[in-house]
Amino acid sequence: MTKLFGPQKDLRFAYRTSSLQQQPCLLTQATLQLQPGHSPAEVMADTQQALEQRRSTQPYHRPSCGSVFRNPTLTAPVN
């Protein structure tokens, strides 16, 4: 297994992808930089609203094995 060190731009992170997927490797450490600007009350209210929306549209009262679907691999850029 290859050891990689470097800044985030070298790892080419994007939505559900990164250069880490191109070779067998294990990410063991990361430093995250959070952006200030949202009050804890605002975050809690947004989270509660999202949870209520999910509960009203999805069968949480039924047994589930979770998501078994995988997003298709895109062969052309999406505009």
PDB file of N, CA and C in Angstrom:
ATOM      1  N   MET A   1       0.844  -1.161   0.000  1.00  0.00           N
ATOM      2  CA  MET A   1       0.000   0.000   0.000  1.00  0.00           C
ATOM      3  C   MET A   1       0.897   1.233   0.000  1.00  0.00           C
ATOM      4  N   THR A   2       0.543   2.215  -0.807  1.00  0.00           N
ATOM      5  CA  THR A   2       1.330   3.428  -0.949  1.00  0.00           C
ATOM      6  C   THR A   2       0.948   4.447   0.109  1.00  0.00           C
ATOM      7  N   LYS A   3       1.938   5.105   0.697  1.00  0.00           N
ATOM      8  CA  LYS A   3       1.677   6.192   1.624  1.00  0.00           C
ATOM      9  C   LYS A   3       1.665   7.496   0.845  1.00  0.00           C
ATOM     10  N   LEU A   4       0.590   8.259   1.010  1.00  0.00           N
ATOM     11  CA  LEU A   4       0.462   9.530   0.332  1.00  0.00           C
ATOM     12  C   LEU A   4       0.365  10.652   1.352  1.00  0.00           C
ATOM     13  N   PHE A   5       1.044  11.723   1.099  1.00  0.00           N
ATOM     14  CA  PHE A   5       0.964  12.911   1.936  1.00  0.00           C
ATOM     15  C   PHE A   5       0.793  14.091   1.004  1.00  0.00           C
ATOM     16  N   GLY A   6       0.006  15.024   1.406  1.00  0.00           N
ATOM     17  CA  GLY A   6      -0.111  16.194   0.561  1.00  0.00           C
ATOM     18  C   GLY A   6      -1.376  16.974   0.817  1.00  0.00           C
ATOM     19  N   PRO A   7      -1.477  18.124   0.184  1.00  0.00           N
ATOM     20  CA  PRO A   7      -2.653  18.966   0.373  1.00  0.00           C
ATOM     21  C   PRO A   7      -3.878  18.410  -0.336  1.00  0.00           C
ATOM     22  N   GLN A   8      -5.017  18.910   0.064  1.00  0.00           N
ATOM     23  CA  GLN A   8      -6.297  18.452  -0.463  1.00  0.00           C
ATOM     24  C   GLN A   8      -6.357  18.555  -1.976  1.00  0.00           C
ATOM     25  N   LYS A   9      -5.802  19.602  -2.575  1.00  0.00           N
ATOM     26  CA  LYS A   9      -5.891  19.770  -4.029  1.00  0.00           C
ATOM     27  C   LYS A   9      -5.221  18.618  -4.773  1.00  0.00           C
ATOM     28  N   ASP A  10      -4.207  18.012  -4.187  1.00  0.00           N
ATOM     29  CA  ASP A  10      -3.533  16.889  -4.827  1.00  0.00           C
ATOM     30  C   ASP A  10      -4.384  15.618  -4.806  1.00  0.00           C
ATOM     31  N   LEU A  11      -5.329  15.555  -3.886  1.00  0.00           N
ATOM     32  CA  LEU A  11      -6.188  14.374  -3.776  1.00  0.00           C
ATOM     33  C   LEU A  11      -7.434  14.498  -4.652  1.00  0.00           C
ATOM     34  N   ARG A  12      -7.632  15.644  -5.259  1.00  0.00           N
ATOM     35  CA  ARG A  12      -8.729  15.891  -6.205  1.00  0.00           C
ATOM     36  C   ARG A  12     -10.079  15.421  -5.659  1.00  0.00           C
ATOM     37  N   PHE A  13     -10.446  15.930  -4.492  1.00  0.00           N
ATOM     38  CA  PHE A  13     -11.748  15.607  -3.931  1.00  0.00           C
ATOM     39  C   PHE A  13     -12.839  16.281  -4.740  1.00  0.00           C
ATOM     40  N   ALA A  14     -13.895  15.537  -5.026  1.00  0.00           N
ATOM     41  CA  ALA A  14     -15.087  16.052  -5.702  1.00  0.00           C
ATOM     42  C   ALA A  14     -16.270  15.282  -5.123  1.00  0.00           C
ATOM     43  N   TYR A  15     -17.452  15.549  -5.616  1.00  0.00           N
ATOM     44  CA  TYR A  15     -18.645  14.877  -5.113  1.00  0.00           C
ATOM     45  C   TYR A  15     -18.528  13.370  -5.336  1.00  0.00           C
ATOM     46  N   ARG A  16     -18.387  12.635  -4.264  1.00  0.00           N
ATOM     47  CA  ARG A  16     -18.275  11.167  -4.242  1.00  0.00           C
ATOM     48  C   ARG A  16     -17.064  10.600  -4.978  1.00  0.00           C
ATOM     49  N   THR A  17     -16.062  11.393  -5.224  1.00  0.00           N
ATOM     50  CA  THR A  17     -14.859  10.893  -5.893  1.00  0.00           C
ATOM     51  C   THR A  17     -13.614  11.550  -5.327  1.00  0.00           C
ATOM     52  N   SER A  18     -12.491  10.905  -5.525  1.00  0.00           N
ATOM     53  CA  SER A  18     -11.182  11.469  -5.211  1.00  0.00           C
ATOM     54  C   SER A  18     -10.125  10.596  -5.878  1.00  0.00           C
ATOM     55  N   SER A  19      -8.916  11.087  -5.919  1.00  0.00           N
ATOM     56  CA  SER A  19      -7.830  10.293  -6.497  1.00  0.00           C
ATOM     57  C   SER A  19      -7.511   9.076  -5.637  1.00  0.00           C
ATOM     58  N   LEU A  20      -7.985   9.062  -4.393  1.00  0.00           N
ATOM     59  CA  LEU A  20      -7.755   7.913  -3.512  1.00  0.00           C
ATOM     60  C   LEU A  20      -8.441   6.655  -4.036  1.00  0.00           C
ATOM     61  N   GLN A  21      -9.440   6.806  -4.886  1.00  0.00           N
ATOM     62  CA  GLN A  21     -10.166   5.651  -5.417  1.00  0.00           C
ATOM     63  C   GLN A  21      -9.421   4.982  -6.567  1.00  0.00           C
ATOM     64  N   GLN A  22      -8.372   5.590  -7.052  1.00  0.00           N
ATOM     65  CA  GLN A  22      -7.662   5.057  -8.213  1.00  0.00           C
ATOM     66  C   GLN A  22      -6.609   4.013  -7.842  1.00  0.00           C
ATOM     67  N   GLN A  23      -6.316   3.872  -6.569  1.00  0.00           N
ATOM     68  CA  GLN A  23      -5.305   2.916  -6.131  1.00  0.00           C
ATOM     69  C   GLN A  23      -5.686   2.397  -4.750  1.00  0.00           C
ATOM     70  N   PRO A  24      -5.212   1.234  -4.370  1.00  0.00           N
ATOM     71  CA  PRO A  24      -5.543   0.735  -3.037  1.00  0.00           C
ATOM     72  C   PRO A  24      -4.825   1.563  -1.977  1.00  0.00           C
ATOM     73  N   CYS A  25      -5.582   2.213  -1.135  1.00  0.00           N
ATOM     74  CA  CYS A  25      -4.979   3.012  -0.071  1.00  0.00           C
ATOM     75  C   CYS A  25      -5.983   3.160   1.059  1.00  0.00           C
ATOM     76  N   LEU A  26      -5.498   3.649   2.169  1.00  0.00           N
ATOM     77  CA  LEU A  26      -6.307   3.829   3.356  1.00  0.00           C
ATOM     78  C   LEU A  26      -6.041   5.222   3.895  1.00  0.00           C
ATOM     79  N   LEU A  27      -7.075   6.019   4.008  1.00  0.00           N
ATOM     80  CA  LEU A  27      -6.953   7.359   4.571  1.00  0.00           C
ATOM     81  C   LEU A  27      -6.989   7.223   6.082  1.00  0.00           C
ATOM     82  N   THR A  28      -5.905   7.617   6.750  1.00  0.00           N
ATOM     83  CA  THR A  28      -5.816   7.425   8.197  1.00  0.00           C
ATOM     84  C   THR A  28      -5.921   8.715   8.988  1.00  0.00           C
ATOM     85  N   GLN A  29      -5.785   9.855   8.323  1.00  0.00           N
ATOM     86  CA  GLN A  29      -5.841  11.117   9.048  1.00  0.00           C
ATOM     87  C   GLN A  29      -6.260  12.227   8.096  1.00  0.00           C
ATOM     88  N   ALA A  30      -7.068  13.143   8.607  1.00  0.00           N
ATOM     89  CA  ALA A  30      -7.484  14.307   7.819  1.00  0.00           C
ATOM     90  C   ALA A  30      -7.700  15.473   8.761  1.00  0.00           C
ATOM     91  N   THR A  31      -7.420  16.654   8.284  1.00  0.00           N
ATOM     92  CA  THR A  31      -7.684  17.867   9.036  1.00  0.00           C
ATOM     93  C   THR A  31      -8.770  18.631   8.301  1.00  0.00           C
ATOM     94  N   LEU A  32      -9.853  18.930   9.001  1.00  0.00           N
ATOM     95  CA  LEU A  32     -10.976  19.635   8.399  1.00  0.00           C
ATOM     96  C   LEU A  32     -10.987  21.084   8.862  1.00  0.00           C
ATOM     97  N   GLN A  33     -11.339  21.971   7.962  1.00  0.00           N
ATOM     98  CA  GLN A  33     -11.460  23.380   8.306  1.00  0.00           C
ATOM     99  C   GLN A  33     -12.927  23.763   8.152  1.00  0.00           C
ATOM    100  N   LEU A  34     -13.584  23.995   9.277  1.00  0.00           N
ATOM    101  CA  LEU A  34     -14.993  24.331   9.258  1.00  0.00           C
ATOM    102  C   LEU A  34     -15.176  25.822   9.036  1.00  0.00           C
ATOM    103  N   GLN A  35     -16.289  26.176   8.428  1.00  0.00           N
ATOM    104  CA  GLN A  35     -16.587  27.574   8.154  1.00  0.00           C
ATOM    105  C   GLN A  35     -17.570  28.104   9.199  1.00  0.00           C
ATOM    106  N   PRO A  36     -17.209  29.170   9.898  1.00  0.00           N
ATOM    107  CA  PRO A  36     -18.137  29.754  10.869  1.00  0.00           C
ATOM    108  C   PRO A  36     -19.262  30.507  10.160  1.00  0.00           C
ATOM    109  N   GLY A  37     -20.299  30.835  10.902  1.00  0.00           N
ATOM    110  CA  GLY A  37     -21.336  31.664  10.327  1.00  0.00           C
ATOM    111  C   GLY A  37     -22.749  31.210  10.604  1.00  0.00           C
ATOM    112  N   HIS A  38     -22.939  29.999  11.115  1.00  0.00           N
ATOM    113  CA  HIS A  38     -24.283  29.518  11.411  1.00  0.00           C
ATOM    114  C   HIS A  38     -24.404  29.291  12.908  1.00  0.00           C
ATOM    115  N   SER A  39     -25.484  29.772  13.466  1.00  0.00           N
ATOM    116  CA  SER A  39     -25.691  29.581  14.901  1.00  0.00           C
ATOM    117  C   SER A  39     -26.097  28.136  15.168  1.00  0.00           C
ATOM    118  N   PRO A  40     -25.759  27.615  16.343  1.00  0.00           N
ATOM    119  CA  PRO A  40     -26.171  26.249  16.676  1.00  0.00           C
ATOM    120  C   PRO A  40     -27.686  26.065  16.598  1.00  0.00           C
ATOM    121  N   ALA A  41     -28.444  27.076  16.981  1.00  0.00           N
ATOM    122  CA  ALA A  41     -29.905  26.973  16.923  1.00  0.00           C
ATOM    123  C   ALA A  41     -30.378  26.850  15.478  1.00  0.00           C
ATOM    124  N   GLU A  42     -29.754  27.584  14.560  1.00  0.00           N
ATOM    125  CA  GLU A  42     -30.112  27.521  13.147  1.00  0.00           C
ATOM    126  C   GLU A  42     -29.796  26.137  12.574  1.00  0.00           C
ATOM    127  N   VAL A  43     -28.644  25.595  12.922  1.00  0.00           N
ATOM    128  CA  VAL A  43     -28.260  24.260  12.445  1.00  0.00           C
ATOM    129  C   VAL A  43     -29.229  23.214  12.986  1.00  0.00           C
ATOM    130  N   MET A  44     -29.574  23.307  14.256  1.00  0.00           N
ATOM    131  CA  MET A  44     -30.516  22.347  14.849  1.00  0.00           C
ATOM    132  C   MET A  44     -31.890  22.448  14.185  1.00  0.00           C
ATOM    133  N   ALA A  45     -32.358  23.652  13.904  1.00  0.00           N
ATOM    134  CA  ALA A  45     -33.663  23.834  13.269  1.00  0.00           C
ATOM    135  C   ALA A  45     -33.656  23.247  11.859  1.00  0.00           C
ATOM    136  N   ASP A  46     -32.592  23.496  11.088  1.00  0.00           N
ATOM    137  CA  ASP A  46     -32.484  22.938   9.740  1.00  0.00           C
ATOM    138  C   ASP A  46     -32.437  21.418   9.781  1.00  0.00           C
ATOM    139  N   THR A  47     -31.690  20.863  10.731  1.00  0.00           N
ATOM    140  CA  THR A  47     -31.581  19.411  10.873  1.00  0.00           C
ATOM    141  C   THR A  47     -32.927  18.803  11.240  1.00  0.00           C
ATOM    142  N   GLN A  48     -33.633  19.429  12.172  1.00  0.00           N
ATOM    143  CA  GLN A  48     -34.946  18.933  12.590  1.00  0.00           C
ATOM    144  C   GLN A  48     -35.935  18.973  11.425  1.00  0.00           C
ATOM    145  N   GLN A  49     -35.897  20.040  10.638  1.00  0.00           N
ATOM    146  CA  GLN A  49     -36.793  20.160   9.485  1.00  0.00           C
ATOM    147  C   GLN A  49     -36.506  19.051   8.461  1.00  0.00           C
ATOM    148  N   ALA A  50     -35.234  18.784   8.199  1.00  0.00           N
ATOM    149  CA  ALA A  50     -34.865  17.731   7.246  1.00  0.00           C
ATOM    150  C   ALA A  50     -35.309  16.366   7.763  1.00  0.00           C
ATOM    151  N   LEU A  51     -35.134  16.108   9.049  1.00  0.00           N
ATOM    152  CA  LEU A  51     -35.543  14.827   9.633  1.00  0.00           C
ATOM    153  C   LEU A  51     -37.054  14.648   9.561  1.00  0.00           C
ATOM    154  N   GLU A  52     -37.797  15.700   9.861  1.00  0.00           N
ATOM    155  CA  GLU A  52     -39.249  15.613   9.783  1.00  0.00           C
ATOM    156  C   GLU A  52     -39.706  15.353   8.345  1.00  0.00           C
ATOM    157  N   GLN A  53     -39.054  15.982   7.380  1.00  0.00           N
ATOM    158  CA  GLN A  53     -39.397  15.773   5.982  1.00  0.00           C
ATOM    159  C   GLN A  53     -39.130  14.323   5.580  1.00  0.00           C
ATOM    160  N   ARG A  54     -37.991  13.771   6.001  1.00  0.00           N
ATOM    161  CA  ARG A  54     -37.674  12.371   5.693  1.00  0.00           C
ATOM    162  C   ARG A  54     -38.692  11.426   6.320  1.00  0.00           C
ATOM    163  N   ARG A  55     -39.016  11.672   7.573  1.00  0.00           N
ATOM    164  CA  ARG A  55     -39.963  10.795   8.269  1.00  0.00           C
ATOM    165  C   ARG A  55     -41.351  10.848   7.642  1.00  0.00           C
ATOM    166  N   SER A  56     -41.718  11.976   7.058  1.00  0.00           N
ATOM    167  CA  SER A  56     -43.049  12.090   6.455  1.00  0.00           C
ATOM    168  C   SER A  56     -43.108  11.493   5.051  1.00  0.00           C
ATOM    169  N   THR A  57     -41.961  11.234   4.430  1.00  0.00           N
ATOM    170  CA  THR A  57     -41.969  10.738   3.053  1.00  0.00           C
ATOM    171  C   THR A  57     -41.349   9.349   2.901  1.00  0.00           C
ATOM    172  N   GLN A  58     -40.747   8.826   3.958  1.00  0.00           N
ATOM    173  CA  GLN A  58     -40.088   7.523   3.863  1.00  0.00           C
ATOM    174  C   GLN A  58     -40.643   6.591   4.937  1.00  0.00           C
ATOM    175  N   PRO A  59     -40.706   5.297   4.657  1.00  0.00           N
ATOM    176  CA  PRO A  59     -41.324   4.338   5.590  1.00  0.00           C
ATOM    177  C   PRO A  59     -40.391   3.929   6.737  1.00  0.00           C
ATOM    178  N   TYR A  60     -40.130   4.849   7.653  1.00  0.00           N
ATOM    179  CA  TYR A  60     -39.246   4.538   8.775  1.00  0.00           C
ATOM    180  C   TYR A  60     -39.829   3.493   9.717  1.00  0.00           C
ATOM    181  N   HIS A  61     -41.135   3.279   9.664  1.00  0.00           N
ATOM    182  CA  HIS A  61     -41.781   2.295  10.539  1.00  0.00           C
ATOM    183  C   HIS A  61     -41.661   0.863  10.007  1.00  0.00           C
ATOM    184  N   ARG A  62     -41.102   0.708   8.799  1.00  0.00           N
ATOM    185  CA  ARG A  62     -40.956  -0.606   8.175  1.00  0.00           C
ATOM    186  C   ARG A  62     -39.506  -1.075   8.266  1.00  0.00           C
ATOM    187  N   PRO A  63     -39.273  -2.390   8.327  1.00  0.00           N
ATOM    188  CA  PRO A  63     -37.895  -2.895   8.329  1.00  0.00           C
ATOM    189  C   PRO A  63     -37.178  -2.502   7.028  1.00  0.00           C
ATOM    190  N   SER A  64     -35.889  -2.294   7.126  1.00  0.00           N
ATOM    191  CA  SER A  64     -35.128  -1.886   5.948  1.00  0.00           C
ATOM    192  C   SER A  64     -33.701  -2.401   6.050  1.00  0.00           C
ATOM    193  N   CYS A  65     -33.129  -2.734   4.911  1.00  0.00           N
ATOM    194  CA  CYS A  65     -31.724  -3.122   4.886  1.00  0.00           C
ATOM    195  C   CYS A  65     -30.868  -1.936   4.417  1.00  0.00           C
ATOM    196  N   GLY A  66     -31.471  -0.761   4.358  1.00  0.00           N
ATOM    197  CA  GLY A  66     -30.732   0.418   3.904  1.00  0.00           C
ATOM    198  C   GLY A  66     -30.801   0.547   2.395  1.00  0.00           C
ATOM    199  N   SER A  67     -29.988   1.397   1.870  1.00  0.00           N
ATOM    200  CA  SER A  67     -29.976   1.624   0.429  1.00  0.00           C
ATOM    201  C   SER A  67     -29.208   0.509  -0.259  1.00  0.00           C
ATOM    202  N   VAL A  68     -29.814  -0.061  -1.272  1.00  0.00           N
ATOM    203  CA  VAL A  68     -29.152  -1.118  -2.030  1.00  0.00           C
ATOM    204  C   VAL A  68     -28.883  -0.668  -3.458  1.00  0.00           C
ATOM    205  N   PHE A  69     -29.119   0.600  -3.733  1.00  0.00           N
ATOM    206  CA  PHE A  69     -28.927   1.130  -5.076  1.00  0.00           C
ATOM    207  C   PHE A  69     -27.578   1.821  -5.174  1.00  0.00           C
ATOM    208  N   ARG A  70     -27.012   1.792  -6.340  1.00  0.00           N
ATOM    209  CA  ARG A  70     -25.748   2.455  -6.589  1.00  0.00           C
ATOM    210  C   ARG A  70     -25.948   3.439  -7.733  1.00  0.00           C
ATOM    211  N   ASN A  71     -25.390   4.622  -7.612  1.00  0.00           N
ATOM    212  CA  ASN A  71     -25.510   5.600  -8.684  1.00  0.00           C
ATOM    213  C   ASN A  71     -24.816   5.082  -9.928  1.00  0.00           C
ATOM    214  N   PRO A  72     -25.406   5.328 -11.089  1.00  0.00           N
ATOM    215  CA  PRO A  72     -24.784   4.862 -12.328  1.00  0.00           C
ATOM    216  C   PRO A  72     -23.483   5.612 -12.605  1.00  0.00           C
ATOM    217  N   THR A  73     -22.587   4.957 -13.323  1.00  0.00           N
ATOM    218  CA  THR A  73     -21.358   5.591 -13.740  1.00  0.00           C
ATOM    219  C   THR A  73     -21.661   6.444 -14.959  1.00  0.00           C
ATOM    220  N   LEU A  74     -21.291   7.716 -14.896  1.00  0.00           N
ATOM    221  CA  LEU A  74     -21.561   8.629 -15.997  1.00  0.00           C
ATOM    222  C   LEU A  74     -20.508   8.447 -17.084  1.00  0.00           C
ATOM    223  N   THR A  75     -20.951   8.382 -18.312  1.00  0.00           N
ATOM    224  CA  THR A  75     -20.022   8.240 -19.436  1.00  0.00           C
ATOM    225  C   THR A  75     -19.794   9.563 -20.147  1.00  0.00           C
ATOM    226  N   ALA A  76     -20.622  10.558 -19.848  1.00  0.00           N
ATOM    227  CA  ALA A  76     -20.464  11.878 -20.466  1.00  0.00           C
ATOM    228  C   ALA A  76     -20.683  12.929 -19.394  1.00  0.00           C
ATOM    229  N   PRO A  77     -20.082  14.093 -19.538  1.00  0.00           N
ATOM    230  CA  PRO A  77     -20.281  15.151 -18.545  1.00  0.00           C
ATOM    231  C   PRO A  77     -21.748  15.573 -18.475  1.00  0.00           C
ATOM    232  N   VAL A  78     -22.183  15.899 -17.273  1.00  0.00           N
ATOM    233  CA  VAL A  78     -23.547  16.380 -17.060  1.00  0.00           C
ATOM    234  C   VAL A  78     -23.499  17.899 -17.002  1.00  0.00           C
ATOM    235  N   ASN A  79     -24.325  18.539 -17.789  1.00  0.00           N
ATOM    236  CA  ASN A  79     -24.376  20.016 -17.781  1.00  0.00           C
ATOM    237  C   ASN A  79     -25.452  20.514 -16.881  1.00  0.00           C
TER     238      ASN A  79
END
